[in-house]
C-alpha atoms as a PDB file:
ATOM      1  CA  MET A   1       0.022  -0.110  -0.106  1.00  0.00           C
ATOM      2  CA  LYS A   2       1.319   3.421  -0.941  1.00  0.00           C
ATOM      3  CA  PRO A   3       2.587   5.945  -0.234  1.00  0.00           C
ATOM      4  CA  ASN A   4       5.369   5.221   2.193  1.00  0.00           C
ATOM      5  CA  HIS A   5       4.244   7.779   4.794  1.00  0.00           C
ATOM      6  CA  LEU A   6       1.221   5.802   5.464  1.00  0.00           C
ATOM      7  CA  LEU A   7       3.288   2.813   6.811  1.00  0.00           C
ATOM      8  CA  LEU A   8       4.883   5.449   9.248  1.00  0.00           C
ATOM      9  CA  ALA A   9       1.499   6.481  10.212  1.00  0.00           C
ATOM     10  CA  SER A  10       0.382   2.836  10.614  1.00  0.00           C
ATOM     11  CA  ALA A  11       3.184   2.051  13.284  1.00  0.00           C
ATOM     12  CA  ALA A  12       2.303   5.170  15.282  1.00  0.00           C
ATOM     13  CA  ILE A  13      -1.577   4.729  15.285  1.00  0.00           C
ATOM     14  CA  LEU A  14      -1.344   0.993  16.010  1.00  0.00           C
ATOM     15  CA  ALA A  15       1.115   1.698  18.753  1.00  0.00           C
ATOM     16  CA  SER A  16      -1.042   4.295  20.476  1.00  0.00           C
ATOM     17  CA  ALA A  17      -3.980   1.701  20.115  1.00  0.00           C
ATOM     18  CA  ALA A  18      -2.092  -1.052  21.515  1.00  0.00           C
ATOM     19  CA  CYS A  19      -1.035   0.845  24.871  1.00  0.00           C
ATOM     20  CA  ASN A  20      -3.861  -0.636  27.048  1.00  0.00           C
ATOM     21  CA  ALA A  21      -4.807  -3.638  24.840  1.00  0.00           C
ATOM     22  CA  GLN A  22      -4.810  -5.995  27.711  1.00  0.00           C
ATOM     23  CA  GLN A  23      -7.351  -4.078  29.585  1.00  0.00           C
ATOM     24  CA  GLY A  24     -10.875  -5.497  29.025  1.00  0.00           C
ATOM     25  CA  SER A  25      -9.905  -8.245  26.879  1.00  0.00           C
ATOM     26  CA  ASP A  26     -10.082 -11.891  26.902  1.00  0.00           C
ATOM     27  CA  SER A  27      -6.902 -13.472  25.697  1.00  0.00           C
ATOM     28  CA  SER A  28      -7.843 -16.876  26.528  1.00  0.00           C
ATOM     29  CA  SER A  29      -9.852 -17.581  23.238  1.00  0.00           C
ATOM     30  CA  GLY A  30      -8.774 -20.929  21.613  1.00  0.00           C
ATOM     31  CA  ALA A  31      -8.193 -21.588  18.030  1.00  0.00           C
ATOM     32  CA  THR A  32     -11.758 -22.847  17.540  1.00  0.00           C
ATOM     33  CA  SER A  33     -14.280 -20.737  19.171  1.00  0.00           C
ATOM     34  CA  THR A  34     -18.041 -21.003  19.997  1.00  0.00           C
ATOM     35  CA  PRO A  35     -20.715 -18.376  19.800  1.00  0.00           C
ATOM     36  CA  VAL A  36     -21.247 -15.893  22.742  1.00  0.00           C
ATOM     37  CA  GLU A  37     -24.815 -17.359  23.114  1.00  0.00           C
ATOM     38  CA  ALA A  38     -26.434 -20.504  22.061  1.00  0.00           C
ATOM     39  CA  VAL A  39     -27.848 -20.643  18.672  1.00  0.00           C
ATOM     40  CA  GLN A  40     -31.252 -22.012  17.489  1.00  0.00           C
ATOM     41  CA  PRO A  41     -31.331 -23.929  13.892  1.00  0.00           C
ATOM     42  CA  PRO A  42     -32.869 -21.466  11.333  1.00  0.00           C
ATOM     43  CA  ALA A  43     -36.557 -22.102  10.762  1.00  0.00           C
ATOM     44  CA  ASN A  44     -35.842 -21.782   6.833  1.00  0.00           C
ATOM     45  CA  GLY A  45     -33.005 -24.316   7.055  1.00  0.00           C
ATOM     46  CA  ASP A  46     -30.501 -21.869   5.723  1.00  0.00           C
ATOM     47  CA  TRP A  47     -27.616 -21.747   8.138  1.00  0.00           C
ATOM     48  CA  SER A  48     -25.804 -19.054   5.972  1.00  0.00           C
ATOM     49  CA  SER A  49     -28.528 -16.524   7.449  1.00  0.00           C
ATOM     50  CA  VAL A  50     -27.440 -17.164  11.085  1.00  0.00           C
ATOM     51  CA  VAL A  51     -24.427 -14.971  12.203  1.00  0.00           C
ATOM     52  CA  THR A  52     -23.130 -14.900  15.686  1.00  0.00           C
ATOM     53  CA  GLN A  53     -20.184 -13.260  17.611  1.00  0.00           C
ATOM     54  CA  THR A  54     -17.797 -15.682  18.965  1.00  0.00           C
ATOM     55  CA  THR A  55     -15.847 -15.882  22.159  1.00  0.00           C
ATOM     56  CA  ALA A  56     -12.705 -15.008  20.056  1.00  0.00           C
ATOM     57  CA  ASN A  57     -14.550 -11.786  18.963  1.00  0.00           C
ATOM     58  CA  GLY A  58     -14.853 -12.930  15.250  1.00  0.00           C
ATOM     59  CA  PHE A  59     -18.168 -13.284  13.581  1.00  0.00           C
ATOM     60  CA  MET A  60     -19.439 -16.716  12.588  1.00  0.00           C
ATOM     61  CA  MET A  61     -21.769 -17.556   9.685  1.00  0.00           C
ATOM     62  CA  GLY A  62     -23.471 -20.812   9.779  1.00  0.00           C
ATOM     63  CA  ASN A  63     -23.865 -23.900  12.168  1.00  0.00           C
ATOM     64  CA  PRO A  64     -21.670 -23.709  15.380  1.00  0.00           C
ATOM     65  CA  ASP A  65     -21.907 -27.430  15.469  1.00  0.00           C
ATOM     66  CA  ALA A  66     -20.763 -27.874  11.927  1.00  0.00           C
ATOM     67  CA  LYS A  67     -18.501 -30.782  11.276  1.00  0.00           C
ATOM     68  CA  VAL A  68     -16.027 -28.379   9.684  1.00  0.00           C
ATOM     69  CA  LYS A  69     -15.418 -24.951  11.362  1.00  0.00           C
ATOM     70  CA  LEU A  70     -13.425 -22.697   9.020  1.00  0.00           C
ATOM     71  CA  ILE A  71     -11.605 -19.481  10.439  1.00  0.00           C
ATOM     72  CA  GLU A  72     -10.420 -16.841   8.127  1.00  0.00           C
ATOM     73  CA  PHE A  73      -7.961 -14.129   9.316  1.00  0.00           C
ATOM     74  CA  ALA A  74      -8.528 -11.173   7.055  1.00  0.00           C
ATOM     75  CA  SER A  75      -7.335  -7.683   6.860  1.00  0.00           C
ATOM     76  CA  MET A  76      -9.856  -4.998   5.265  1.00  0.00           C
ATOM     77  CA  THR A  77      -6.921  -3.334   3.382  1.00  0.00           C
ATOM     78  CA  CYS A  78      -5.593  -6.538   2.001  1.00  0.00           C
ATOM     79  CA  PRO A  79      -6.488  -6.992  -1.765  1.00  0.00           C
ATOM     80  CA  HIS A  80      -6.094 -10.740  -1.773  1.00  0.00           C
ATOM     81  CA  CYS A  81      -8.708 -10.595   0.962  1.00  0.00           C
ATOM     82  CA  ALA A  82     -11.095  -8.526  -1.034  1.00  0.00           C
ATOM     83  CA  GLU A  83     -10.591 -10.945  -3.904  1.00  0.00           C
ATOM     84  CA  PHE A  84     -11.415 -14.130  -1.718  1.00  0.00           C
ATOM     85  CA  ASP A  85     -14.446 -12.284  -0.613  1.00  0.00           C
ATOM     86  CA  LYS A  86     -15.607 -11.609  -3.875  1.00  0.00           C
ATOM     87  CA  ALA A  87     -14.641 -14.764  -5.549  1.00  0.00           C
ATOM     88  CA  ALA A  88     -14.938 -17.554  -2.798  1.00  0.00           C
ATOM     89  CA  VAL A  89     -17.322 -16.347   0.074  1.00  0.00           C
ATOM     90  CA  PRO A  90     -20.417 -16.760  -2.111  1.00  0.00           C
ATOM     91  CA  GLN A  91     -19.508 -20.313  -3.271  1.00  0.00           C
ATOM     92  CA  LEU A  92     -18.443 -21.089   0.325  1.00  0.00           C
ATOM     93  CA  ALA A  93     -21.865 -19.989   1.588  1.00  0.00           C
ATOM     94  CA  GLU A  94     -23.881 -21.731  -0.960  1.00  0.00           C
ATOM     95  CA  ARG A  95     -22.155 -24.947  -1.195  1.00  0.00           C
ATOM     96  CA  TYR A  96     -21.129 -25.562   2.323  1.00  0.00           C
ATOM     97  CA  VAL A  97     -22.318 -23.152   4.972  1.00  0.00           C
ATOM     98  CA  LYS A  98     -26.120 -22.970   3.914  1.00  0.00           C
ATOM     99  CA  GLY A  99     -26.503 -26.675   4.603  1.00  0.00           C
ATOM    100  CA  GLY A 100     -25.108 -26.652   7.896  1.00  0.00           C
ATOM    101  CA  GLN A 101     -21.816 -28.765   7.052  1.00  0.00           C
ATOM    102  CA  VAL A 102     -19.431 -25.886   7.409  1.00  0.00           C
ATOM    103  CA  SER A 103     -19.222 -22.824   9.832  1.00  0.00           C
ATOM    104  CA  TYR A 104     -17.222 -19.704   8.358  1.00  0.00           C
ATOM    105  CA  GLU A 105     -15.722 -17.373  10.940  1.00  0.00           C
ATOM    106  CA  LEU A 106     -13.981 -14.056  10.017  1.00  0.00           C
ATOM    107  CA  ARG A 107     -11.659 -12.659  12.332  1.00  0.00           C
ATOM    108  CA  ASN A 108     -10.395  -9.100  11.749  1.00  0.00           C
ATOM    109  CA  TYR A 109      -6.470  -9.006  11.529  1.00  0.00           C
ATOM    110  CA  VAL A 110      -5.587  -5.276  11.391  1.00  0.00           C
ATOM    111  CA  ARG A 111      -2.424  -4.206   9.884  1.00  0.00           C
ATOM    112  CA  ASP A 112      -2.645  -0.442   9.612  1.00  0.00           C
ATOM    113  CA  PRO A 113      -4.887   2.567  10.808  1.00  0.00           C
ATOM    114  CA  PHE A 114      -7.159   2.297   7.875  1.00  0.00           C
ATOM    115  CA  ASP A 115      -7.756  -1.288   8.789  1.00  0.00           C
ATOM    116  CA  ILE A 116      -8.717  -0.334  12.195  1.00  0.00           C
ATOM    117  CA  ALA A 117     -11.361   2.225  11.148  1.00  0.00           C
ATOM    118  CA  VAL A 118     -13.000   0.159   8.544  1.00  0.00           C
ATOM    119  CA  SER A 119     -13.126  -2.833  10.757  1.00  0.00           C
ATOM    120  CA  LEU A 120     -14.511  -0.693  13.722  1.00  0.00           C
ATOM    121  CA  ILE A 121     -17.468   0.343  11.304  1.00  0.00           C
ATOM    122  CA  ALA A 122     -17.953  -3.004   9.956  1.00  0.00           C
ATOM    123  CA  ARG A 123     -18.385  -4.436  13.351  1.00  0.00           C
ATOM    124  CA  CYS A 124     -20.437  -1.442  14.494  1.00  0.00           C
ATOM    125  CA  ASN A 125     -23.939  -2.862  14.215  1.00  0.00           C
ATOM    126  CA  GLY A 126     -23.140  -6.334  15.395  1.00  0.00           C
ATOM    127  CA  ALA A 127     -23.567  -9.908  14.032  1.00  0.00           C
ATOM    128  CA  GLN A 128     -26.476  -9.198  11.709  1.00  0.00           C
ATOM    129  CA  SER A 129     -24.760  -6.523   9.565  1.00  0.00           C
ATOM    130  CA  PHE A 130     -21.214  -7.428   9.828  1.00  0.00           C
ATOM    131  CA  PHE A 131     -21.029  -9.624   6.569  1.00  0.00           C
ATOM    132  CA  PRO A 132     -22.980  -7.204   4.519  1.00  0.00           C
ATOM    133  CA  LEU A 133     -20.855  -4.422   5.593  1.00  0.00           C
ATOM    134  CA  THR A 134     -17.554  -6.214   5.021  1.00  0.00           C
ATOM    135  CA  HIS A 135     -18.673  -7.656   1.568  1.00  0.00           C
ATOM    136  CA  ALA A 136     -19.468  -3.718   0.756  1.00  0.00           C
ATOM    137  CA  PHE A 137     -16.182  -2.451   2.118  1.00  0.00           C
ATOM    138  CA  PHE A 138     -14.163  -5.292   0.317  1.00  0.00           C
ATOM    139  CA  ARG A 139     -16.118  -4.493  -2.952  1.00  0.00           C
ATOM    140  CA  ASP A 140     -15.198  -0.985  -3.035  1.00  0.00           C
ATOM    141  CA  GLN A 141     -11.749  -1.181  -1.455  1.00  0.00           C
ATOM    142  CA  SER A 142      -9.801   0.321  -3.989  1.00  0.00           C
ATOM    143  CA  ASP A 143     -12.049   3.436  -4.023  1.00  0.00           C
ATOM    144  CA  TRP A 144     -11.546   4.375  -0.379  1.00  0.00           C
ATOM    145  CA  ILE A 145      -8.005   3.290  -0.275  1.00  0.00           C
ATOM    146  CA  GLY A 146      -7.587   5.345  -3.193  1.00  0.00           C
ATOM    147  CA  LYS A 147      -9.026   8.525  -1.349  1.00  0.00           C
ATOM    148  CA  PHE A 148      -6.608   8.067   1.589  1.00  0.00           C
ATOM    149  CA  GLN A 149      -3.694   7.920  -0.784  1.00  0.00           C
ATOM    150  CA  THR A 150      -4.467  11.391  -2.090  1.00  0.00           C
ATOM    151  CA  VAL A 151      -4.256  12.966   1.420  1.00  0.00           C
ATOM    152  CA  PRO A 152      -1.141  15.157   1.680  1.00  0.00           C
ATOM    153  CA  GLU A 153       1.758  13.930   3.766  1.00  0.00           C
ATOM    154  CA  ALA A 154       1.272  16.895   6.205  1.00  0.00           C
ATOM    155  CA  GLN A 155      -2.174  15.971   6.914  1.00  0.00           C
ATOM    156  CA  ILE A 156      -1.385  12.292   7.644  1.00  0.00           C
ATOM    157  CA  ALA A 157       1.264  13.385  10.236  1.00  0.00           C
ATOM    158  CA  GLN A 158      -1.444  15.490  11.740  1.00  0.00           C
ATOM    159  CA  ILE A 159      -3.898  12.740  12.012  1.00  0.00           C
ATOM    160  CA  THR A 160      -1.086  10.466  13.432  1.00  0.00           C
ATOM    161  CA  ASN A 161      -0.361  12.916  16.153  1.00  0.00           C
ATOM    162  CA  MET A 162      -4.009  12.906  17.415  1.00  0.00           C
ATOM    163  CA  GLY A 163      -5.231  11.044  20.342  1.00  0.00           C
ATOM    164  CA  PRO A 164      -7.053   7.670  19.701  1.00  0.00           C
ATOM    165  CA  GLU A 165     -10.302   9.500  20.504  1.00  0.00           C
ATOM    166  CA  ARG A 166      -9.954  11.347  17.217  1.00  0.00           C
ATOM    167  CA  GLN A 167      -7.671   9.387  15.030  1.00  0.00           C
ATOM    168  CA  PHE A 168     -10.093   6.884  13.351  1.00  0.00           C
ATOM    169  CA  VAL A 169     -12.767   9.566  12.981  1.00  0.00           C
ATOM    170  CA  GLU A 170     -10.383  11.649  10.878  1.00  0.00           C
ATOM    171  CA  ILE A 171      -9.223   8.681   9.023  1.00  0.00           C
ATOM    172  CA  ALA A 172     -12.938   7.838   8.117  1.00  0.00           C
ATOM    173  CA  LYS A 173     -13.628  11.338   7.217  1.00  0.00           C
ATOM    174  CA  VAL A 174     -10.837  11.689   4.692  1.00  0.00           C
ATOM    175  CA  ALA A 175     -12.251   8.413   2.746  1.00  0.00           C
ATOM    176  CA  GLY A 176     -15.779   9.007   3.047  1.00  0.00           C
ATOM    177  CA  LEU A 177     -16.238   5.804   5.327  1.00  0.00           C
ATOM    178  CA  GLN A 178     -18.877   7.186   7.392  1.00  0.00           C
ATOM    179  CA  GLN A 179     -21.061   8.346   4.413  1.00  0.00           C
ATOM    180  CA  PHE A 180     -20.526   4.919   2.826  1.00  0.00           C
ATOM    181  CA  ALA A 181     -21.569   3.315   5.946  1.00  0.00           C
ATOM    182  CA  ALA A 182     -24.725   5.600   6.249  1.00  0.00           C
ATOM    183  CA  MET A 183     -25.956   4.504   2.994  1.00  0.00           C
ATOM    184  CA  ARG A 184     -25.829   0.771   4.187  1.00  0.00           C
ATOM    185  CA  GLY A 185     -27.692   1.328   7.714  1.00  0.00           C
ATOM    186  CA  VAL A 186     -25.074   2.682  10.074  1.00  0.00           C
ATOM    187  CA  PRO A 187     -25.849   6.294  10.988  1.00  0.00           C
ATOM    188  CA  THR A 188     -22.976   8.799  11.227  1.00  0.00           C
ATOM    189  CA  ALA A 189     -23.703   9.199  14.856  1.00  0.00           C
ATOM    190  CA  LYS A 190     -23.373   5.514  15.543  1.00  0.00           C
ATOM    191  CA  SER A 191     -20.167   5.015  13.354  1.00  0.00           C
ATOM    192  CA  THR A 192     -18.650   7.953  15.180  1.00  0.00           C
ATOM    193  CA  GLN A 193     -19.455   6.379  18.376  1.00  0.00           C
ATOM    194  CA  CYS A 194     -17.671   3.009  17.324  1.00  0.00           C
ATOM    195  CA  LEU A 195     -14.945   4.884  15.801  1.00  0.00           C
ATOM    196  CA  THR A 196     -13.988   6.432  19.271  1.00  0.00           C
ATOM    197  CA  ASP A 197     -14.732   3.229  21.346  1.00  0.00           C
ATOM    198  CA  GLN A 198     -11.251   2.561  22.800  1.00  0.00           C
ATOM    199  CA  GLN A 199     -12.368  -0.695  24.202  1.00  0.00           C
ATOM    200  CA  ALA A 200     -13.284  -1.835  20.461  1.00  0.00           C
ATOM    201  CA  VAL A 201      -9.960  -0.734  19.355  1.00  0.00           C
ATOM    202  CA  ASN A 202      -8.276  -2.765  22.198  1.00  0.00           C
ATOM    203  CA  GLN A 203     -10.234  -5.676  21.013  1.00  0.00           C
ATOM    204  CA  LEU A 204      -9.130  -5.668  17.570  1.00  0.00           C
ATOM    205  CA  VAL A 205      -5.472  -5.240  18.684  1.00  0.00           C
ATOM    206  CA  GLN A 206      -5.903  -7.986  21.206  1.00  0.00           C
ATOM    207  CA  MET A 207      -7.250 -10.121  18.212  1.00  0.00           C
ATOM    208  CA  ASN A 208      -4.091  -9.765  16.411  1.00  0.00           C
ATOM    209  CA  SER A 209      -2.018 -10.812  19.510  1.00  0.00           C
ATOM    210  CA  ASP A 210      -4.067 -13.787  20.220  1.00  0.00           C
ATOM    211  CA  ALA A 211      -3.810 -14.728  16.331  1.00  0.00           C
ATOM    212  CA  THR A 212      -0.008 -14.695  16.542  1.00  0.00           C
ATOM    213  CA  ASN A 213       0.129 -16.379  19.782  1.00  0.00           C
ATOM    214  CA  GLN A 214      -2.058 -19.284  18.689  1.00  0.00           C
ATOM    215  CA  PHE A 215      -0.529 -19.594  15.165  1.00  0.00           C
ATOM    216  CA  PRO A 216       3.235 -18.365  15.292  1.00  0.00           C
ATOM    217  CA  THR A 217       3.676 -19.097  11.699  1.00  0.00           C
ATOM    218  CA  LEU A 218       0.534 -17.337  10.482  1.00  0.00           C
ATOM    219  CA  PRO A 219       1.619 -15.937   7.162  1.00  0.00           C
ATOM    220  CA  GLY A 220      -0.406 -13.170   6.577  1.00  0.00           C
ATOM    221  CA  THR A 221      -3.880 -12.418   5.238  1.00  0.00           C
ATOM    222  CA  PRO A 222      -5.850 -14.123   4.168  1.00  0.00           C
ATOM    223  CA  SER A 223      -4.867 -17.270   6.315  1.00  0.00           C
ATOM    224  CA  PHE A 224      -7.242 -20.114   7.011  1.00  0.00           C
ATOM    225  CA  VAL A 225      -7.625 -22.553   9.957  1.00  0.00           C
ATOM    226  CA  ILE A 226      -9.749 -25.688   9.533  1.00  0.00           C
ATOM    227  CA  ASN A 227     -10.769 -27.570  12.701  1.00  0.00           C
ATOM    228  CA  GLY A 228      -8.156 -25.884  14.694  1.00  0.00           C
ATOM    229  CA  GLU A 229      -5.128 -26.384  12.310  1.00  0.00           C
ATOM    230  CA  LEU A 230      -3.533 -23.653  10.296  1.00  0.00           C
ATOM    231  CA  GLN A 231      -3.667 -24.312   6.610  1.00  0.00           C
ATOM    232  CA  GLU A 232      -0.764 -23.971   4.409  1.00  0.00           C
ATOM    233  CA  SER A 233      -0.833 -22.554   0.630  1.00  0.00           C
ATOM    234  CA  THR A 234      -4.523 -21.952   0.726  1.00  0.00           C
ATOM    235  CA  SER A 235      -4.696 -18.248  -0.119  1.00  0.00           C
ATOM    236  CA  ASN A 236      -7.445 -18.703  -2.862  1.00  0.00           C
ATOM    237  CA  TRP A 237     -10.729 -20.782  -3.267  1.00  0.00           C
ATOM    238  CA  GLN A 238      -9.019 -23.271  -5.774  1.00  0.00           C
ATOM    239  CA  LEU A 239      -6.453 -24.211  -3.079  1.00  0.00           C
ATOM    240  CA  LEU A 240      -8.869 -23.911   0.030  1.00  0.00           C
ATOM    241  CA  GLU A 241     -11.858 -25.936  -1.219  1.00  0.00           C
ATOM    242  CA  PRO A 242     -10.170 -29.227  -1.521  1.00  0.00           C
ATOM    243  CA  LYS A 243      -8.999 -28.697   2.109  1.00  0.00           C
ATOM    244  CA  ILE A 244     -12.687 -28.327   3.159  1.00  0.00           C
ATOM    245  CA  ARG A 245     -13.856 -31.311   1.112  1.00  0.00           C
ATOM    246  CA  GLU A 246     -11.018 -33.553   2.632  1.00  0.00           C
ATOM    247  CA  ALA A 247     -12.282 -32.344   6.298  1.00  0.00           C
ATOM    248  CA  LEU A 248     -15.886 -33.235   5.115  1.00  0.00           C
ATOM    249  CA  GLY A 249     -14.618 -36.486   3.982  1.00  0.00           C
ATOM    250  CA  SER A 250     -16.098 -36.084   0.648  1.00  0.00           C
END
């Protein structure tokens, strides 16, 4: 991601966000996670319509008791993650999640301040809007990243020096993230509240820490875990689907 001064801003903002990451966080979540509350089977039989937040603070689509539990670690600013969301997730949902054989959990893995801002908004309205918002942000990823790349270096430095209570709001403003979200059901007042929620920022940072502690060889994003085991060489659907089928025994 360019320009280079964005990388410097990323390091500074993530450092400030991580200062109190241990407070109010649960770092004991395992490689496989369960929904926070018990989930009832869907009346329509379509498990892809059931979304729950997990004890690992990811969001799970599908049957919590599925034979195959798939976890994706994804960055909202990762172009490969955007491509997987576009090309693979619809097939995954239709072929495997819908019928209850596979559950699909997405865990945010933030790698830059833009990532934090977008993730905060995507998570803002909870489980039922998480995947639609995530799909929308991935679909238009090049547009909102492009807006940020036009921001002058001096303005980036100014944002970097702001406190965490303002940084992510300003990032959202320069890329039009709040207007984008408002058109998809997240009022500006609500997204502002989420962008200034330090506990939510800490939670995202803690999720990064948990991921690298559980999977020290995590290669980057997207990365996938099937039934608790980190998969190698599965960065796209053509490589991942055979692993899913193998786990299903088909």
